PDB file of N, CA and C in Angstrom:
ATOM      1  N   MET A   1     -19.104 144.890 -68.184  1.00  0.00           N
ATOM      2  CA  MET A   1     -17.955 144.851 -67.151  1.00  0.00           C
ATOM      3  C   MET A   1     -19.017 144.384 -66.245  1.00  0.00           C
ATOM      4  N   CYS A   2     -18.492 143.271 -65.261  1.00  0.00           N
ATOM      5  CA  CYS A   2     -18.824 142.367 -64.211  1.00  0.00           C
ATOM      6  C   CYS A   2     -17.799 142.520 -63.404  1.00  0.00           C
ATOM      7  N   TYR A   3     -18.114 143.163 -61.616  1.00  0.00           N
ATOM      8  CA  TYR A   3     -17.693 143.064 -60.626  1.00  0.00           C
ATOM      9  C   TYR A   3     -18.459 142.611 -59.581  1.00  0.00           C
ATOM     10  N   ASP A   4     -18.055 141.711 -58.687  1.00  0.00           N
ATOM     11  CA  ASP A   4     -18.326 141.495 -57.110  1.00  0.00           C
ATOM     12  C   ASP A   4     -20.334 141.523 -57.576  1.00  0.00           C
ATOM     13  N   GLY A   5     -20.421 140.651 -58.802  1.00  0.00           N
ATOM     14  CA  GLY A   5     -22.180 140.637 -59.222  1.00  0.00           C
ATOM     15  C   GLY A   5     -22.997 141.855 -59.638  1.00  0.00           C
ATOM     16  N   GLU A   6     -22.220 142.778 -60.051  1.00  0.00           N
ATOM     17  CA  GLU A   6     -22.815 143.762 -60.311  1.00  0.00           C
ATOM     18  C   GLU A   6     -22.405 143.948 -62.017  1.00  0.00           C
ATOM     19  N   PHE A   7     -23.071 144.148 -62.711  1.00  0.00           N
ATOM     20  CA  PHE A   7     -22.792 144.081 -64.153  1.00  0.00           C
ATOM     21  C   PHE A   7     -23.141 145.499 -64.215  1.00  0.00           C
ATOM     22  N   ALA A   8     -22.024 146.301 -65.354  1.00  0.00           N
ATOM     23  CA  ALA A   8     -22.267 147.625 -65.873  1.00  0.00           C
ATOM     24  C   ALA A   8     -21.818 147.431 -67.312  1.00  0.00           C
ATOM     25  N   GLN A   9     -22.610 148.250 -68.353  1.00  0.00           N
ATOM     26  CA  GLN A   9     -22.356 148.413 -69.610  1.00  0.00           C
ATOM     27  C   GLN A   9     -22.183 150.171 -70.162  1.00  0.00           C
ATOM     28  N   ILE A  10     -21.100 150.221 -69.888  1.00  0.00           N
ATOM     29  CA  ILE A  10     -20.617 151.594 -70.520  1.00  0.00           C
ATOM     30  C   ILE A  10     -20.849 152.521 -71.646  1.00  0.00           C
ATOM     31  N   ASP A  11     -21.708 153.154 -71.599  1.00  0.00           N
ATOM     32  CA  ASP A  11     -22.072 153.738 -73.195  1.00  0.00           C
ATOM     33  C   ASP A  11     -20.817 154.349 -73.510  1.00  0.00           C
ATOM     34  N   HIS A  12     -20.202 155.146 -72.870  1.00  0.00           N
ATOM     35  CA  HIS A  12     -19.101 156.307 -73.068  1.00  0.00           C
ATOM     36  C   HIS A  12     -18.356 156.399 -71.762  1.00  0.00           C
ATOM     37  N   LEU A  13     -16.817 156.084 -71.978  1.00  0.00           N
ATOM     38  CA  LEU A  13     -16.009 156.907 -70.962  1.00  0.00           C
ATOM     39  C   LEU A  13     -14.624 157.605 -71.728  1.00  0.00           C
ATOM     40  N   ILE A  14     -14.710 158.616 -71.055  1.00  0.00           N
ATOM     41  CA  ILE A  14     -13.881 159.738 -71.239  1.00  0.00           C
ATOM     42  C   ILE A  14     -12.738 159.380 -70.307  1.00  0.00           C
ATOM     43  N   VAL A  15     -11.395 158.984 -70.496  1.00  0.00           N
ATOM     44  CA  VAL A  15     -10.638 158.896 -69.383  1.00  0.00           C
ATOM     45  C   VAL A  15      -9.452 160.006 -70.045  1.00  0.00           C
ATOM     46  N   TYR A  16      -9.208 161.200 -68.657  1.00  0.00           N
ATOM     47  CA  TYR A  16      -8.165 162.058 -69.087  1.00  0.00           C
ATOM     48  C   TYR A  16      -7.160 162.358 -67.632  1.00  0.00           C
ATOM     49  N   THR A  17      -6.244 163.063 -68.033  1.00  0.00           N
ATOM     50  CA  THR A  17      -5.348 162.916 -67.011  1.00  0.00           C
ATOM     51  C   THR A  17      -5.680 163.046 -65.179  1.00  0.00           C
ATOM     52  N   PHE A  18      -7.299 163.771 -65.242  1.00  0.00           N
ATOM     53  CA  PHE A  18      -7.137 164.020 -63.803  1.00  0.00           C
ATOM     54  C   PHE A  18      -8.387 162.846 -63.048  1.00  0.00           C
ATOM     55  N   GLY A  19      -8.729 162.051 -64.090  1.00  0.00           N
ATOM     56  CA  GLY A  19     -10.060 161.253 -63.700  1.00  0.00           C
ATOM     57  C   GLY A  19     -10.651 160.053 -64.954  1.00  0.00           C
ATOM     58  N   PHE A  20     -11.871 160.576 -64.373  1.00  0.00           N
ATOM     59  CA  PHE A  20     -12.262 159.279 -65.808  1.00  0.00           C
ATOM     60  C   PHE A  20     -14.196 160.257 -65.546  1.00  0.00           C
ATOM     61  N   ILE A  21     -14.953 160.039 -66.593  1.00  0.00           N
ATOM     62  CA  ILE A  21     -16.182 160.252 -66.923  1.00  0.00           C
ATOM     63  C   ILE A  21     -16.753 159.172 -67.510  1.00  0.00           C
ATOM     64  N   VAL A  22     -18.230 159.243 -66.648  1.00  0.00           N
ATOM     65  CA  VAL A  22     -19.211 158.068 -67.641  1.00  0.00           C
ATOM     66  C   VAL A  22     -20.013 158.678 -68.638  1.00  0.00           C
ATOM     67  N   ILE A  23     -20.700 158.394 -69.216  1.00  0.00           N
ATOM     68  CA  ILE A  23     -21.645 158.985 -70.276  1.00  0.00           C
ATOM     69  C   ILE A  23     -22.803 158.164 -70.365  1.00  0.00           C
ATOM     70  N   GLU A  24     -23.815 158.449 -69.948  1.00  0.00           N
ATOM     71  CA  GLU A  24     -24.715 157.742 -70.247  1.00  0.00           C
ATOM     72  C   GLU A  24     -25.707 157.986 -71.434  1.00  0.00           C
ATOM     73  N   SER A  25     -25.799 157.690 -72.496  1.00  0.00           N
ATOM     74  CA  SER A  25     -26.440 158.062 -73.532  1.00  0.00           C
ATOM     75  C   SER A  25     -28.049 157.355 -74.010  1.00  0.00           C
ATOM     76  N   LYS A  26     -28.760 158.149 -74.254  1.00  0.00           N
ATOM     77  CA  LYS A  26     -29.974 157.553 -73.972  1.00  0.00           C
ATOM     78  C   LYS A  26     -30.897 158.311 -75.847  1.00  0.00           C
ATOM     79  N   SER A  27     -31.558 157.428 -76.602  1.00  0.00           N
ATOM     80  CA  SER A  27     -32.147 158.467 -77.389  1.00  0.00           C
ATOM     81  C   SER A  27     -33.733 157.977 -77.085  1.00  0.00           C
ATOM     82  N   ILE A  28     -34.067 159.054 -76.973  1.00  0.00           N
ATOM     83  CA  ILE A  28     -35.809 159.004 -76.700  1.00  0.00           C
ATOM     84  C   ILE A  28     -36.371 159.416 -77.675  1.00  0.00           C
ATOM     85  N   ARG A  29     -37.655 158.939 -77.691  1.00  0.00           N
ATOM     86  CA  ARG A  29     -38.327 160.212 -79.075  1.00  0.00           C
ATOM     87  C   ARG A  29     -39.759 160.547 -77.829  1.00  0.00           C
ATOM     88  N   GLY A  30     -40.159 161.579 -78.261  1.00  0.00           N
ATOM     89  CA  GLY A  30     -40.872 162.480 -77.431  1.00  0.00           C
ATOM     90  C   GLY A  30     -40.297 163.291 -76.064  1.00  0.00           C
ATOM     91  N   GLU A  31     -41.092 163.842 -75.379  1.00  0.00           N
ATOM     92  CA  GLU A  31     -40.251 164.862 -74.214  1.00  0.00           C
ATOM     93  C   GLU A  31     -40.086 163.971 -72.683  1.00  0.00           C
ATOM     94  N   VAL A  32     -39.015 164.383 -72.159  1.00  0.00           N
ATOM     95  CA  VAL A  32     -38.584 163.574 -70.990  1.00  0.00           C
ATOM     96  C   VAL A  32     -38.997 165.005 -69.968  1.00  0.00           C
ATOM     97  N   GLN A  33     -39.182 164.227 -68.585  1.00  0.00           N
ATOM     98  CA  GLN A  33     -39.712 164.975 -67.514  1.00  0.00           C
ATOM     99  C   GLN A  33     -38.939 164.629 -66.290  1.00  0.00           C
ATOM    100  N   VAL A  34     -38.688 165.553 -65.202  1.00  0.00           N
ATOM    101  CA  VAL A  34     -37.914 165.193 -64.386  1.00  0.00           C
ATOM    102  C   VAL A  34     -38.566 165.745 -63.071  1.00  0.00           C
ATOM    103  N   ASN A  35     -39.108 164.972 -62.173  1.00  0.00           N
ATOM    104  CA  ASN A  35     -40.139 165.868 -61.139  1.00  0.00           C
ATOM    105  C   ASN A  35     -39.033 166.155 -60.186  1.00  0.00           C
ATOM    106  N   ALA A  36     -39.610 166.822 -58.810  1.00  0.00           N
ATOM    107  CA  ALA A  36     -39.157 167.224 -57.526  1.00  0.00           C
ATOM    108  C   ALA A  36     -38.250 165.738 -56.960  1.00  0.00           C
ATOM    109  N   GLN A  37     -38.523 164.494 -57.158  1.00  0.00           N
ATOM    110  CA  GLN A  37     -37.989 163.654 -56.604  1.00  0.00           C
ATOM    111  C   GLN A  37     -36.968 162.773 -57.431  1.00  0.00           C
ATOM    112  N   ALA A  38     -37.056 163.460 -58.467  1.00  0.00           N
ATOM    113  CA  ALA A  38     -35.675 162.993 -59.242  1.00  0.00           C
ATOM    114  C   ALA A  38     -36.321 161.831 -60.080  1.00  0.00           C
ATOM    115  N   GLU A  39     -37.696 161.716 -59.855  1.00  0.00           N
ATOM    116  CA  GLU A  39     -38.297 160.274 -60.987  1.00  0.00           C
ATOM    117  C   GLU A  39     -38.164 161.203 -62.535  1.00  0.00           C
ATOM    118  N   TRP A  40     -37.765 160.228 -63.288  1.00  0.00           N
ATOM    119  CA  TRP A  40     -38.121 160.307 -64.835  1.00  0.00           C
ATOM    120  C   TRP A  40     -39.344 159.782 -65.254  1.00  0.00           C
ATOM    121  N   SER A  41     -39.830 160.576 -66.388  1.00  0.00           N
ATOM    122  CA  SER A  41     -40.638 160.041 -67.003  1.00  0.00           C
ATOM    123  C   SER A  41     -40.838 160.176 -68.479  1.00  0.00           C
ATOM    124  N   ARG A  42     -40.972 159.790 -69.592  1.00  0.00           N
ATOM    125  CA  ARG A  42     -41.214 160.130 -71.155  1.00  0.00           C
ATOM    126  C   ARG A  42     -42.369 160.512 -71.418  1.00  0.00           C
ATOM    127  N   GLY A  43     -42.689 161.038 -72.075  1.00  0.00           N
ATOM    128  CA  GLY A  43     -44.363 160.993 -73.215  1.00  0.00           C
ATOM    129  C   GLY A  43     -43.933 160.966 -74.400  1.00  0.00           C
ATOM    130  N   TYR A  44     -44.715 160.473 -75.154  1.00  0.00           N
ATOM    131  CA  TYR A  44     -44.715 159.907 -76.647  1.00  0.00           C
ATOM    132  C   TYR A  44     -46.275 160.394 -76.871  1.00  0.00           C
ATOM    133  N   ARG A  45     -46.648 160.920 -77.631  1.00  0.00           N
ATOM    134  CA  ARG A  45     -48.231 161.279 -78.272  1.00  0.00           C
ATOM    135  C   ARG A  45     -49.054 161.072 -77.389  1.00  0.00           C
ATOM    136  N   GLN A  46     -48.856 162.251 -76.429  1.00  0.00           N
ATOM    137  CA  GLN A  46     -49.258 162.447 -74.845  1.00  0.00           C
ATOM    138  C   GLN A  46     -49.764 161.132 -73.791  1.00  0.00           C
ATOM    139  N   GLN A  47     -48.798 160.076 -74.162  1.00  0.00           N
ATOM    140  CA  GLN A  47     -48.917 159.328 -73.285  1.00  0.00           C
ATOM    141  C   GLN A  47     -47.706 159.127 -72.231  1.00  0.00           C
ATOM    142  N   TRP A  48     -47.577 159.304 -71.006  1.00  0.00           N
ATOM    143  CA  TRP A  48     -46.565 159.362 -70.241  1.00  0.00           C
ATOM    144  C   TRP A  48     -46.454 157.973 -69.438  1.00  0.00           C
ATOM    145  N   GLN A  49     -45.002 157.765 -69.025  1.00  0.00           N
ATOM    146  CA  GLN A  49     -44.939 156.314 -68.473  1.00  0.00           C
ATOM    147  C   GLN A  49     -43.310 156.596 -67.710  1.00  0.00           C
ATOM    148  N   GLY A  50     -43.095 155.830 -66.589  1.00  0.00           N
ATOM    149  CA  GLY A  50     -41.936 156.220 -65.913  1.00  0.00           C
ATOM    150  C   GLY A  50     -40.727 156.016 -66.850  1.00  0.00           C
ATOM    151  N   MET A  51     -39.625 155.975 -66.278  1.00  0.00           N
ATOM    152  CA  MET A  51     -38.442 155.363 -66.340  1.00  0.00           C
ATOM    153  C   MET A  51     -37.484 155.334 -65.871  1.00  0.00           C
ATOM    154  N   PRO A  52     -36.554 154.569 -65.852  1.00  0.00           N
ATOM    155  CA  PRO A  52     -35.785 154.546 -65.084  1.00  0.00           C
ATOM    156  C   PRO A  52     -34.451 155.709 -65.204  1.00  0.00           C
ATOM    157  N   SER A  53     -33.732 156.181 -64.035  1.00  0.00           N
ATOM    158  CA  SER A  53     -32.993 157.437 -64.048  1.00  0.00           C
ATOM    159  C   SER A  53     -31.756 156.970 -65.006  1.00  0.00           C
ATOM    160  N   PRO A  54     -31.416 157.871 -66.220  1.00  0.00           N
ATOM    161  CA  PRO A  54     -30.037 157.347 -67.118  1.00  0.00           C
ATOM    162  C   PRO A  54     -28.664 158.086 -65.297  1.00  0.00           C
ATOM    163  N   ILE A  55     -29.346 158.729 -64.916  1.00  0.00           N
ATOM    164  CA  ILE A  55     -28.109 159.579 -63.794  1.00  0.00           C
ATOM    165  C   ILE A  55     -27.660 158.214 -63.235  1.00  0.00           C
ATOM    166  N   LYS A  56     -28.704 157.939 -62.066  1.00  0.00           N
ATOM    167  CA  LYS A  56     -28.518 156.727 -61.786  1.00  0.00           C
ATOM    168  C   LYS A  56     -27.970 155.280 -62.101  1.00  0.00           C
ATOM    169  N   GLN A  57     -28.479 155.194 -63.282  1.00  0.00           N
ATOM    170  CA  GLN A  57     -27.807 153.653 -63.776  1.00  0.00           C
ATOM    171  C   GLN A  57     -26.365 154.529 -64.340  1.00  0.00           C
ATOM    172  N   ALA A  58     -25.867 156.060 -64.840  1.00  0.00           N
ATOM    173  CA  ALA A  58     -24.535 156.028 -64.570  1.00  0.00           C
ATOM    174  C   ALA A  58     -23.674 155.816 -63.463  1.00  0.00           C
ATOM    175  N   GLU A  59     -24.333 156.225 -62.477  1.00  0.00           N
ATOM    176  CA  GLU A  59     -23.763 155.915 -61.468  1.00  0.00           C
ATOM    177  C   GLU A  59     -23.385 154.863 -60.718  1.00  0.00           C
ATOM    178  N   LEU A  60     -24.336 154.020 -61.000  1.00  0.00           N
ATOM    179  CA  LEU A  60     -23.880 152.629 -60.638  1.00  0.00           C
ATOM    180  C   LEU A  60     -22.988 151.964 -62.002  1.00  0.00           C
ATOM    181  N   LYS A  61     -23.044 152.123 -63.086  1.00  0.00           N
ATOM    182  CA  LYS A  61     -21.380 152.265 -63.581  1.00  0.00           C
ATOM    183  C   LYS A  61     -20.230 152.538 -63.109  1.00  0.00           C
ATOM    184  N   LEU A  62     -20.496 154.099 -62.657  1.00  0.00           N
ATOM    185  CA  LEU A  62     -19.303 154.266 -62.251  1.00  0.00           C
ATOM    186  C   LEU A  62     -18.478 153.669 -61.254  1.00  0.00           C
ATOM    187  N   ARG A  63     -19.655 153.491 -60.223  1.00  0.00           N
ATOM    188  CA  ARG A  63     -19.151 152.979 -58.734  1.00  0.00           C
ATOM    189  C   ARG A  63     -18.483 151.460 -59.394  1.00  0.00           C
ATOM    190  N   VAL A  64     -19.367 150.718 -59.799  1.00  0.00           N
ATOM    191  CA  VAL A  64     -18.471 149.553 -60.906  1.00  0.00           C
ATOM    192  C   VAL A  64     -17.155 149.491 -61.484  1.00  0.00           C
ATOM    193  N   LEU A  65     -17.047 150.491 -61.908  1.00  0.00           N
ATOM    194  CA  LEU A  65     -15.675 151.111 -62.714  1.00  0.00           C
ATOM    195  C   LEU A  65     -14.826 151.625 -61.725  1.00  0.00           C
ATOM    196  N   GLN A  66     -15.045 152.039 -60.391  1.00  0.00           N
ATOM    197  CA  GLN A  66     -14.242 152.823 -59.639  1.00  0.00           C
ATOM    198  C   GLN A  66     -13.679 151.117 -58.890  1.00  0.00           C
ATOM    199  N   GLU A  67     -14.459 149.802 -59.158  1.00  0.00           N
ATOM    200  CA  GLU A  67     -14.352 149.257 -57.884  1.00  0.00           C
ATOM    201  C   GLU A  67     -13.565 148.281 -58.836  1.00  0.00           C
ATOM    202  N   VAL A  68     -13.347 148.021 -60.013  1.00  0.00           N
ATOM    203  CA  VAL A  68     -12.319 147.559 -60.625  1.00  0.00           C
ATOM    204  C   VAL A  68     -11.566 147.953 -60.865  1.00  0.00           C
ATOM    205  N   LEU A  69     -11.135 149.570 -61.274  1.00  0.00           N
ATOM    206  CA  LEU A  69      -9.460 150.280 -61.007  1.00  0.00           C
ATOM    207  C   LEU A  69      -9.362 150.012 -59.895  1.00  0.00           C
ATOM    208  N   THR A  70      -9.777 150.105 -58.461  1.00  0.00           N
ATOM    209  CA  THR A  70      -9.316 149.880 -57.502  1.00  0.00           C
ATOM    210  C   THR A  70      -8.853 148.626 -56.957  1.00  0.00           C
ATOM    211  N   HIS A  71      -9.633 147.399 -57.277  1.00  0.00           N
ATOM    212  CA  HIS A  71      -9.334 146.081 -57.201  1.00  0.00           C
ATOM    213  C   HIS A  71      -7.936 145.424 -58.430  1.00  0.00           C
ATOM    214  N   ASN A  72      -7.578 146.154 -59.361  1.00  0.00           N
ATOM    215  CA  ASN A  72      -6.785 145.756 -60.332  1.00  0.00           C
ATOM    216  C   ASN A  72      -5.735 146.769 -60.545  1.00  0.00           C
ATOM    217  N   ALA A  73      -5.682 147.712 -59.801  1.00  0.00           N
ATOM    218  CA  ALA A  73      -4.425 149.177 -59.774  1.00  0.00           C
ATOM    219  C   ALA A  73      -2.893 148.441 -60.050  1.00  0.00           C
ATOM    220  N   THR A  74      -3.210 148.068 -58.882  1.00  0.00           N
ATOM    221  CA  THR A  74      -1.634 147.271 -59.250  1.00  0.00           C
ATOM    222  C   THR A  74      -1.228 146.824 -60.491  1.00  0.00           C
ATOM    223  N   LYS A  75      -2.094 146.061 -61.025  1.00  0.00           N
ATOM    224  CA  LYS A  75      -1.637 145.134 -62.020  1.00  0.00           C
ATOM    225  C   LYS A  75      -1.658 145.918 -63.236  1.00  0.00           C
ATOM    226  N   MET A  76      -2.889 147.303 -63.434  1.00  0.00           N
ATOM    227  CA  MET A  76      -2.878 147.972 -64.627  1.00  0.00           C
ATOM    228  C   MET A  76      -1.953 149.160 -64.304  1.00  0.00           C
ATOM    229  N   LEU A  77      -1.468 149.327 -63.660  1.00  0.00           N
ATOM    230  CA  LEU A  77      -0.793 151.143 -63.498  1.00  0.00           C
ATOM    231  C   LEU A  77       0.667 150.587 -63.470  1.00  0.00           C
ATOM    232  N   GLY A  78       1.428 151.572 -64.218  1.00  0.00           N
ATOM    233  CA  GLY A  78       3.043 151.137 -64.420  1.00  0.00           C
ATOM    234  C   GLY A  78       3.735 151.838 -62.997  1.00  0.00           C
ATOM    235  N   ARG A  79       5.058 151.531 -63.087  1.00  0.00           N
ATOM    236  CA  ARG A  79       5.737 152.249 -62.193  1.00  0.00           C
ATOM    237  C   ARG A  79       6.593 153.730 -62.966  1.00  0.00           C
ATOM    238  N   VAL A  80       6.543 154.288 -62.198  1.00  0.00           N
ATOM    239  CA  VAL A  80       7.121 155.390 -62.687  1.00  0.00           C
ATOM    240  C   VAL A  80       8.463 156.073 -61.298  1.00  0.00           C
ATOM    241  N   LEU A  81       9.552 155.923 -61.401  1.00  0.00           N
ATOM    242  CA  LEU A  81      10.614 156.244 -60.456  1.00  0.00           C
ATOM    243  C   LEU A  81      10.531 155.347 -59.469  1.00  0.00           C
ATOM    244  N   GLY A  82      10.527 153.935 -60.115  1.00  0.00           N
ATOM    245  CA  GLY A  82      10.054 152.886 -58.853  1.00  0.00           C
ATOM    246  C   GLY A  82       9.285 153.228 -57.933  1.00  0.00           C
ATOM    247  N   ILE A  83       8.039 154.370 -58.325  1.00  0.00           N
ATOM    248  CA  ILE A  83       6.807 154.637 -57.300  1.00  0.00           C
ATOM    249  C   ILE A  83       5.712 154.013 -57.902  1.00  0.00           C
ATOM    250  N   GLN A  84       4.632 153.560 -57.194  1.00  0.00           N
ATOM    251  CA  GLN A  84       3.871 152.747 -57.982  1.00  0.00           C
ATOM    252  C   GLN A  84       2.627 153.827 -57.758  1.00  0.00           C
ATOM    253  N   GLN A  85       2.157 154.055 -59.196  1.00  0.00           N
ATOM    254  CA  GLN A  85       1.201 155.187 -59.706  1.00  0.00           C
ATOM    255  C   GLN A  85      -0.368 154.195 -59.065  1.00  0.00           C
ATOM    256  N   GLY A  86      -1.029 155.104 -58.351  1.00  0.00           N
ATOM    257  CA  GLY A  86      -2.483 154.785 -57.711  1.00  0.00           C
ATOM    258  C   GLY A  86      -3.391 155.985 -58.216  1.00  0.00           C
ATOM    259  N   LEU A  87      -4.618 155.595 -58.000  1.00  0.00           N
ATOM    260  CA  LEU A  87      -5.782 156.047 -58.377  1.00  0.00           C
ATOM    261  C   LEU A  87      -6.641 157.037 -57.274  1.00  0.00           C
ATOM    262  N   GLY A  88      -5.314 157.173 -56.162  1.00  0.00           N
ATOM    263  CA  GLY A  88      -6.461 158.233 -55.265  1.00  0.00           C
ATOM    264  C   GLY A  88      -5.933 159.618 -55.774  1.00  0.00           C
ATOM    265  N   GLY A  89      -7.211 160.216 -55.244  1.00  0.00           N
ATOM    266  CA  GLY A  89      -7.236 161.639 -55.944  1.00  0.00           C
ATOM    267  C   GLY A  89      -7.625 161.780 -57.434  1.00  0.00           C
ATOM    268  N   ARG A  90      -8.269 160.649 -58.157  1.00  0.00           N
ATOM    269  CA  ARG A  90      -9.002 161.067 -59.348  1.00  0.00           C
ATOM    270  C   ARG A  90     -10.164 161.751 -59.106  1.00  0.00           C
ATOM    271  N   CYS A  91     -10.525 162.283 -59.997  1.00  0.00           N
ATOM    272  CA  CYS A  91     -12.080 162.862 -60.288  1.00  0.00           C
ATOM    273  C   CYS A  91     -12.508 161.446 -61.046  1.00  0.00           C
ATOM    274  N   TYR A  92     -14.451 161.148 -60.043  1.00  0.00           N
ATOM    275  CA  TYR A  92     -15.080 160.580 -61.162  1.00  0.00           C
ATOM    276  C   TYR A  92     -16.509 161.119 -61.327  1.00  0.00           C
ATOM    277  N   HIS A  93     -16.475 161.361 -62.702  1.00  0.00           N
ATOM    278  CA  HIS A  93     -18.241 162.047 -63.146  1.00  0.00           C
ATOM    279  C   HIS A  93     -19.207 161.158 -63.501  1.00  0.00           C
ATOM    280  N   VAL A  94     -20.592 161.912 -63.715  1.00  0.00           N
ATOM    281  CA  VAL A  94     -20.986 161.280 -64.822  1.00  0.00           C
ATOM    282  C   VAL A  94     -21.854 161.794 -65.988  1.00  0.00           C
ATOM    283  N   LEU A  95     -22.588 161.965 -66.753  1.00  0.00           N
ATOM    284  CA  LEU A  95     -22.884 162.625 -67.482  1.00  0.00           C
ATOM    285  C   LEU A  95     -24.408 162.095 -67.930  1.00  0.00           C
ATOM    286  N   CYS A  96     -25.155 162.611 -68.649  1.00  0.00           N
ATOM    287  CA  CYS A  96     -26.058 161.766 -69.238  1.00  0.00           C
ATOM    288  C   CYS A  96     -26.452 163.091 -70.526  1.00  0.00           C
ATOM    289  N   ALA A  97     -26.162 161.931 -71.438  1.00  0.00           N
ATOM    290  CA  ALA A  97     -26.678 162.710 -72.810  1.00  0.00           C
ATOM    291  C   ALA A  97     -28.096 161.999 -73.487  1.00  0.00           C
ATOM    292  N   ILE A  98     -28.963 162.871 -73.809  1.00  0.00           N
ATOM    293  CA  ILE A  98     -30.080 162.685 -74.370  1.00  0.00           C
ATOM    294  C   ILE A  98     -30.455 163.271 -75.645  1.00  0.00           C
ATOM    295  N   SER A  99     -30.931 162.387 -76.629  1.00  0.00           N
ATOM    296  CA  SER A  99     -30.766 162.948 -78.017  1.00  0.00           C
ATOM    297  C   SER A  99     -32.378 162.198 -78.439  1.00  0.00           C
ATOM    298  N   PRO A 100     -33.339 162.990 -79.412  1.00  0.00           N
ATOM    299  CA  PRO A 100     -34.199 162.458 -79.871  1.00  0.00           C
ATOM    300  C   PRO A 100     -34.002 161.411 -80.830  1.00  0.00           C
TER     301      PRO A 100
END
């Protein structure tokens, strides 16, 4: 999905009554560490290297999703009893799933 120059390839999206959950999934061999500054690194065979934060990636994707939904709400949402349904008050969350 692309919106306003931002690209977002959402791995998994859960849509439920109260909102949306974006799940960023990673398959990583070895170990993962996150330091006090929220910097991620992965180690494999005792060699460590930095990696982009999957949480930050998911947050960017969630922001793009929110912008797309907000911009297109009147096109996508139906009317109930003549009242336009909105996206206000919805919950937006991110999760990260890492598997070996």
